[in-house]
Amino acid sequence: MSAVEAIVGTLGSCMGCMIVVENIAKKEPSSMNLMTFATFFFIASQGLIFTSRFFTQPNKIPLRGYRAVIFWFFIVNVINNQALNYHVPVPLHIIFRSGSLLASLVLTKLLQGKNYSYRKYVSVIAITLGIVICTLATSHQGDSEMSYEEASKHFYEWCIGISMLTFALLASAYMAICQERMYAQYGKHPTEAMFVTHFAALPFFALMGSDILRSAERFSQSPHELFGISVPIPNMWLNLLANCVLQYYCIKFVYQLTSEVESLTVTLVVTLRKFLSLIVSIWWFQNPFTFQHWVGATLVFAGTLAFADIWDGLWKRLSGQKTIKETKKTK
């Protein structure tokens, strides 16, 4: 697979996945556990057949090496998806998750004692301000159409959703540290890791089995119609299947991208994907997005690119200068 195919695949599948997720969240906001379980089950099943070959292929990384990653991977995915059930609009969800660099910097500084340049601290401050601005701009959206009691309940639940996203942001950063330690000790085996982290987390979903079953019943009662065309399967199940397939390819293409291009390009593509997903969410689903939101989003995405030294990298490319990595290749 070429780098161009990996980039196009990443943008297409990940953006498509976000559209389907938002569609499910709007129609059945309480079905996030079912959606998360279905995604885990689909990716685990695919890995069981093609990666593990029904456990006939020995693991390159022992299961004990995966323990922390599996636990935090499950927690992060469940909480991130469940936050959509607490009146957190998808655009804010995208912006909030784009602040992962903030959490990573804080935790690596505290837990690993890493030092960063002044520019990176400024970038993180910009990201933080952007998230705060977007969060405040979203906090009272729609309150004018509600009674005082409804608005209070809505705001309380929204605060829970924001708290969940904040925790998931920190947990995701810690998971990345655990993953980094695991790869440092055992080597990088992303395909195996993709299978193991999804498969081993499946038993945890038993804790939310009743909720998953209730959501499944509601999905089965959805109309047998998709885009005005009669279909033999309830449309919510088709949405769920589309989400699973797109999520799988999104993860697969991102893994492929990391092996085809340098980290600078990966960061640029992932940031572009989030920005385009934000635009599509605003346009396709008519999500309210004020001037404050645009200011906040600009700070978040610009800060992300600055943190990854994208601007310097692009300037060097445009001016014909070779990056360090390219210089080494020519020697």
Protein backbone atom coordinates (compact mmCIF):
# COMPACT_ATOMS: atom_id res chain seq x y z
CA MET A 1 0.00 0.00 0.00
CA SER A 2 1.35 3.41 -0.97
CA ALA A 3 1.47 6.45 1.28
CA VAL A 4 -1.18 8.18 -0.85
CA GLU A 5 -3.55 5.23 -0.44
CA ALA A 6 -2.94 5.23 3.31
CA ILE A 7 -3.66 8.97 3.55
CA VAL A 8 -6.81 8.78 1.43
CA GLY A 9 -7.95 5.69 3.33
CA THR A 10 -7.38 7.36 6.69
CA LEU A 11 -9.29 10.50 5.74
CA GLY A 12 -12.15 8.63 4.09
CA SER A 13 -12.73 5.87 6.61
CA CYS A 14 -12.22 7.96 9.76
CA MET A 15 -14.44 10.79 8.55
CA GLY A 16 -17.08 8.31 7.41
CA CYS A 17 -16.93 6.65 10.80
CA MET A 18 -17.55 9.95 12.59
CA ILE A 19 -20.60 10.64 10.40
CA VAL A 20 -22.09 7.24 11.24
CA VAL A 21 -21.28 7.63 14.95
CA GLU A 22 -23.01 11.00 15.07
CA ASN A 23 -26.00 9.60 13.20
CA ILE A 24 -26.32 6.80 15.75
CA ALA A 25 -25.78 9.20 18.66
CA LYS A 26 -28.56 11.49 17.43
CA LYS A 27 -31.07 8.70 16.83
CA GLU A 28 -30.21 6.47 19.80
CA PRO A 29 -28.04 8.44 22.25
CA SER A 30 -28.32 5.74 24.92
CA SER A 31 -26.88 3.05 22.65
CA MET A 32 -23.22 4.00 23.02
CA ASN A 33 -22.35 0.84 24.96
CA LEU A 34 -23.81 -1.30 22.19
CA MET A 35 -21.88 0.67 19.59
CA THR A 36 -18.62 0.29 21.50
CA PHE A 37 -19.19 -3.43 22.07
CA ALA A 38 -20.04 -4.03 18.42
CA THR A 39 -16.86 -2.28 17.29
CA PHE A 40 -14.71 -4.28 19.70
CA PHE A 41 -16.41 -7.52 18.69
CA PHE A 42 -16.02 -6.85 14.96
CA ILE A 43 -12.32 -5.95 15.18
CA ALA A 44 -11.64 -8.83 17.59
CA SER A 45 -13.38 -11.30 15.26
CA GLN A 46 -11.39 -10.09 12.29
CA GLY A 47 -8.17 -10.40 14.27
CA LEU A 48 -9.11 -13.84 15.53
CA ILE A 49 -9.43 -15.11 11.96
CA PHE A 50 -6.66 -13.28 10.13
CA THR A 51 -4.13 -12.28 12.80
CA SER A 52 -4.31 -14.92 15.50
CA ARG A 53 -5.60 -17.61 13.12
CA PHE A 54 -7.74 -18.96 15.93
CA PHE A 55 -4.89 -18.72 18.45
CA THR A 56 -2.52 -20.82 16.35
CA GLN A 57 -0.10 -17.91 16.00
CA PRO A 58 1.99 -17.32 19.14
CA ASN A 59 1.96 -13.80 20.55
CA LYS A 60 5.09 -11.76 20.10
CA ILE A 61 4.12 -9.77 23.19
CA PRO A 62 3.04 -11.82 26.24
CA LEU A 63 -0.42 -11.16 27.63
CA ARG A 64 1.02 -9.76 30.86
CA GLY A 65 2.60 -7.02 28.77
CA TYR A 66 -0.82 -6.00 27.51
CA ARG A 67 -2.64 -5.81 30.84
CA ALA A 68 -2.43 -2.08 31.46
CA VAL A 69 -3.03 -1.21 27.81
CA ILE A 70 -6.12 -3.45 27.61
CA PHE A 71 -7.64 -1.97 30.76
CA TRP A 72 -7.13 1.66 29.78
CA PHE A 73 -8.05 1.05 26.14
CA PHE A 74 -11.41 -0.31 27.24
CA ILE A 75 -12.01 2.51 29.72
CA VAL A 76 -11.09 5.25 27.25
CA ASN A 77 -13.28 3.92 24.45
CA VAL A 78 -16.32 3.32 26.64
CA ILE A 79 -16.14 6.71 28.34
CA ASN A 80 -15.46 8.64 25.13
CA ASN A 81 -18.48 7.11 23.42
CA GLN A 82 -20.69 7.30 26.50
CA ALA A 83 -20.03 11.05 26.79
CA LEU A 84 -22.19 11.51 23.68
CA ASN A 85 -25.11 10.38 25.82
CA TYR A 86 -24.65 13.41 28.08
CA HIS A 87 -25.53 16.23 25.68
CA VAL A 88 -21.96 16.65 24.42
CA PRO A 89 -22.27 17.64 20.75
CA VAL A 90 -19.99 15.85 18.31
CA PRO A 91 -18.12 19.04 17.25
CA LEU A 92 -17.14 19.69 20.88
CA HIS A 93 -16.32 15.99 21.23
CA ILE A 94 -13.91 16.25 18.29
CA ILE A 95 -12.29 19.43 19.61
CA PHE A 96 -11.96 18.01 23.11
CA ARG A 97 -10.27 14.84 21.89
CA SER A 98 -7.93 16.98 19.82
CA GLY A 99 -6.50 18.20 23.11
CA SER A 100 -4.72 14.90 23.69
CA LEU A 101 -1.35 16.65 23.36
CA LEU A 102 -2.16 18.68 26.46
CA ALA A 103 -2.77 15.55 28.52
CA SER A 104 0.28 13.83 27.04
CA LEU A 105 2.57 16.72 27.90
CA VAL A 106 1.30 16.95 31.47
CA LEU A 107 1.57 13.22 32.17
CA THR A 108 4.92 12.66 30.48
CA LYS A 109 6.30 15.64 32.39
CA LEU A 110 4.96 14.31 35.70
CA LEU A 111 5.54 10.58 35.21
CA GLN A 112 8.61 10.49 32.98
CA GLY A 113 10.27 13.80 33.76
CA LYS A 114 10.53 14.78 30.10
CA ASN A 115 11.43 18.36 29.23
CA TYR A 116 9.88 20.30 26.39
CA SER A 117 10.76 23.44 24.49
CA TYR A 118 9.15 26.79 25.20
CA ARG A 119 7.25 26.53 21.92
CA LYS A 120 5.55 23.31 22.97
CA TYR A 121 4.36 24.85 26.22
CA VAL A 122 2.93 27.80 24.28
CA SER A 123 1.24 25.36 21.91
CA VAL A 124 -0.35 23.49 24.79
CA ILE A 125 -1.58 26.75 26.32
CA ALA A 126 -3.22 27.58 22.97
CA ILE A 127 -4.85 24.14 22.86
CA THR A 128 -6.09 24.52 26.43
CA LEU A 129 -7.56 27.96 25.74
CA GLY A 130 -9.23 26.65 22.61
CA ILE A 131 -10.89 23.79 24.49
CA VAL A 132 -12.02 26.11 27.28
CA ILE A 133 -13.51 28.61 24.80
CA CYS A 134 -15.38 25.89 22.90
CA THR A 135 -16.60 24.30 26.12
CA LEU A 136 -17.94 27.58 27.50
CA ALA A 137 -19.55 28.43 24.17
CA THR A 138 -21.39 25.10 24.21
CA SER A 139 -22.36 25.06 27.88
CA HIS A 140 -25.73 26.79 27.54
CA GLN A 141 -26.71 25.99 23.97
CA GLY A 142 -30.40 25.27 23.74
CA ASP A 143 -31.12 26.35 27.32
CA SER A 144 -33.42 29.17 26.17
CA GLU A 145 -35.88 26.64 24.77
CA MET A 146 -36.15 24.74 28.07
CA SER A 147 -37.79 25.31 31.39
CA TYR A 148 -35.58 26.11 34.37
CA GLU A 149 -35.78 22.52 35.62
CA GLU A 150 -35.00 21.08 32.19
CA ALA A 151 -32.12 23.50 31.65
CA SER A 152 -30.66 22.68 35.07
CA LYS A 153 -30.89 18.94 34.39
CA HIS A 154 -29.42 19.41 30.91
CA PHE A 155 -26.51 21.45 32.27
CA TYR A 156 -25.85 18.95 35.06
CA GLU A 157 -25.73 16.06 32.59
CA TRP A 158 -23.59 18.12 30.23
CA CYS A 159 -21.10 18.70 33.07
CA ILE A 160 -20.96 14.94 33.60
CA GLY A 161 -20.19 14.50 29.90
CA ILE A 162 -17.41 17.09 30.01
CA SER A 163 -15.97 15.43 33.12
CA MET A 164 -16.02 12.10 31.31
CA LEU A 165 -14.17 13.56 28.33
CA THR A 166 -11.60 15.16 30.63
CA PHE A 167 -10.97 11.88 32.41
CA ALA A 168 -10.80 10.00 29.10
CA LEU A 169 -8.29 12.55 27.80
CA LEU A 170 -5.96 11.92 30.74
CA ALA A 171 -6.56 8.17 30.64
CA SER A 172 -5.77 8.10 26.93
CA ALA A 173 -2.49 9.91 27.53
CA TYR A 174 -1.59 7.45 30.28
CA MET A 175 -2.52 4.55 28.01
CA ALA A 176 -0.13 5.93 25.39
CA ILE A 177 2.65 5.91 27.99
CA CYS A 178 1.82 2.30 28.88
CA GLN A 179 1.82 1.41 25.19
CA GLU A 180 5.15 3.14 24.68
CA ARG A 181 6.67 1.18 27.56
CA MET A 182 5.24 -2.06 26.18
CA TYR A 183 6.67 -1.45 22.71
CA ALA A 184 10.02 -0.44 24.18
CA GLN A 185 10.20 -3.73 26.06
CA TYR A 186 8.77 -6.14 23.50
CA GLY A 187 9.03 -4.35 20.16
CA LYS A 188 6.28 -2.90 17.96
CA HIS A 189 3.62 -5.35 16.79
CA PRO A 190 0.64 -3.12 15.96
CA THR A 191 -1.51 -5.74 14.20
CA GLU A 192 -1.23 -8.12 17.12
CA ALA A 193 -1.84 -5.29 19.58
CA MET A 194 -4.94 -4.24 17.68
CA PHE A 195 -6.36 -7.76 18.00
CA VAL A 196 -5.37 -8.43 21.60
CA THR A 197 -6.57 -5.10 23.01
CA HIS A 198 -9.99 -5.53 21.42
CA PHE A 199 -10.39 -9.26 22.07
CA ALA A 200 -9.20 -9.28 25.68
CA ALA A 201 -11.50 -6.37 26.57
CA LEU A 202 -14.68 -8.17 25.45
CA PRO A 203 -15.42 -9.80 28.86
CA PHE A 204 -15.62 -6.34 30.45
CA PHE A 205 -18.76 -5.65 28.43
CA ALA A 206 -20.61 -8.21 30.56
CA LEU A 207 -20.83 -5.45 33.17
CA MET A 208 -23.12 -3.51 30.83
CA GLY A 209 -24.90 -6.49 29.31
CA SER A 210 -28.44 -5.41 30.21
CA ASP A 211 -27.91 -1.96 28.70
CA ILE A 212 -26.51 -3.49 25.51
CA LEU A 213 -29.52 -5.82 25.23
CA ARG A 214 -31.98 -2.94 25.68
CA SER A 215 -30.23 -1.00 22.94
CA ALA A 216 -30.28 -4.06 20.69
CA GLU A 217 -34.05 -4.33 21.15
CA ARG A 218 -34.52 -0.70 20.16
CA PHE A 219 -32.28 -1.19 17.14
CA SER A 220 -34.43 -4.14 16.04
CA GLN A 221 -37.51 -1.91 16.21
CA SER A 222 -36.03 0.75 13.92
CA PRO A 223 -37.55 1.23 10.43
CA HIS A 224 -36.63 -1.12 7.60
CA GLU A 225 -35.71 1.81 5.43
CA LEU A 226 -32.45 3.46 4.45
CA PHE A 227 -32.25 6.62 2.33
CA GLY A 228 -35.87 6.09 1.35
CA ILE A 229 -35.25 2.52 0.18
CA SER A 230 -36.84 -0.50 1.85
CA VAL A 231 -34.27 -2.88 3.30
CA PRO A 232 -34.69 -6.28 4.99
CA ILE A 233 -32.66 -5.23 8.04
CA PRO A 234 -33.56 -2.46 10.54
CA ASN A 235 -31.62 0.64 9.55
CA MET A 236 -29.95 1.07 12.95
CA TRP A 237 -28.28 -2.31 12.57
CA LEU A 238 -27.01 -1.24 9.16
CA ASN A 239 -25.66 1.94 10.73
CA LEU A 240 -23.95 -0.13 13.38
CA LEU A 241 -22.40 -2.43 10.78
CA ALA A 242 -21.17 0.57 8.80
CA ASN A 243 -19.61 2.00 11.95
CA CYS A 244 -17.78 -1.27 12.68
CA VAL A 245 -16.39 -1.57 9.16
CA LEU A 246 -15.34 2.07 8.94
CA GLN A 247 -13.82 2.01 12.43
CA TYR A 248 -11.79 -1.06 11.50
CA TYR A 249 -10.45 0.53 8.35
CA CYS A 250 -9.81 3.82 10.13
CA ILE A 251 -7.58 2.06 12.66
CA LYS A 252 -5.97 -0.09 9.97
CA PHE A 253 -5.13 2.85 7.71
CA VAL A 254 -3.71 4.88 10.61
CA TYR A 255 -1.44 1.96 11.52
CA GLN A 256 -0.46 1.67 7.86
CA LEU A 257 0.17 5.39 7.66
CA THR A 258 2.60 5.28 10.57
CA SER A 259 4.66 2.68 8.73
CA GLU A 260 4.65 4.51 5.39
CA VAL A 261 5.40 8.13 6.29
CA GLU A 262 7.22 10.13 8.94
CA SER A 263 5.52 11.18 12.17
CA LEU A 264 5.19 14.80 10.99
CA THR A 265 2.99 13.69 8.10
CA VAL A 266 0.97 11.38 10.34
CA THR A 267 0.23 14.24 12.72
CA LEU A 268 -0.75 16.50 9.84
CA VAL A 269 -3.09 13.90 8.33
CA VAL A 270 -4.74 13.05 11.65
CA THR A 271 -5.22 16.74 12.46
CA LEU A 272 -6.64 17.37 9.00
CA ARG A 273 -9.00 14.43 9.47
CA LYS A 274 -10.30 15.87 12.73
CA PHE A 275 -10.76 19.30 11.20
CA LEU A 276 -12.62 17.92 8.17
CA SER A 277 -14.77 15.77 10.48
CA LEU A 278 -15.62 18.92 12.39
CA ILE A 279 -16.64 20.74 9.20
CA VAL A 280 -18.74 17.79 8.01
CA SER A 281 -20.44 17.51 11.40
CA ILE A 282 -21.37 21.19 11.35
CA TRP A 283 -22.60 21.09 7.75
CA TRP A 284 -24.22 17.66 7.52
CA PHE A 285 -25.95 17.62 10.91
CA GLN A 286 -26.54 21.38 11.17
CA ASN A 287 -24.77 21.57 14.52
CA PRO A 288 -24.63 25.11 15.95
CA PHE A 289 -21.14 26.55 15.66
CA THR A 290 -20.61 30.14 16.71
CA PHE A 291 -17.73 32.54 16.23
CA GLN A 292 -16.45 31.49 19.66
CA HIS A 293 -16.36 27.90 18.51
CA TRP A 294 -14.32 28.85 15.45
CA VAL A 295 -11.85 30.79 17.58
CA GLY A 296 -11.49 27.85 19.96
CA ALA A 297 -11.19 25.31 17.15
CA THR A 298 -8.53 27.42 15.44
CA LEU A 299 -6.49 27.60 18.64
CA VAL A 300 -6.76 23.84 19.15
CA PHE A 301 -5.76 22.82 15.64
CA ALA A 302 -3.09 25.50 15.22
CA GLY A 303 -1.65 24.57 18.61
CA THR A 304 -1.62 20.90 17.64
CA LEU A 305 0.27 21.61 14.42
CA ALA A 306 2.71 23.90 16.22
CA PHE A 307 3.34 21.29 18.91
CA ALA A 308 4.29 18.76 16.25
CA ASP A 309 6.55 21.31 14.51
CA ILE A 310 4.41 21.01 11.40
CA TRP A 311 5.00 24.63 10.42
CA ASP A 312 8.79 24.22 10.45
CA GLY A 313 8.53 20.99 8.52
CA LEU A 314 6.30 22.50 5.87
CA TRP A 315 8.52 25.58 5.56
CA LYS A 316 11.59 23.41 5.04
CA ARG A 317 9.80 21.41 2.38
CA LEU A 318 8.56 24.51 0.59
CA SER A 319 11.98 26.14 0.73
CA GLY A 320 13.69 23.00 -0.53
CA GLN A 321 15.52 22.19 2.70
CA LYS A 322 15.84 18.57 3.68
CA THR A 323 14.63 17.31 6.99
CA ILE A 324 17.00 15.41 9.25
CA LYS A 325 15.35 12.15 8.32
CA GLU A 326 15.69 12.81 4.60
CA THR A 327 19.32 13.88 5.03
CA LYS A 328 20.14 10.57 6.70
CA LYS A 329 18.52 8.65 3.86
CA THR A 330 20.70 10.36 1.25
CA LYS A 331 23.93 9.54 3.07
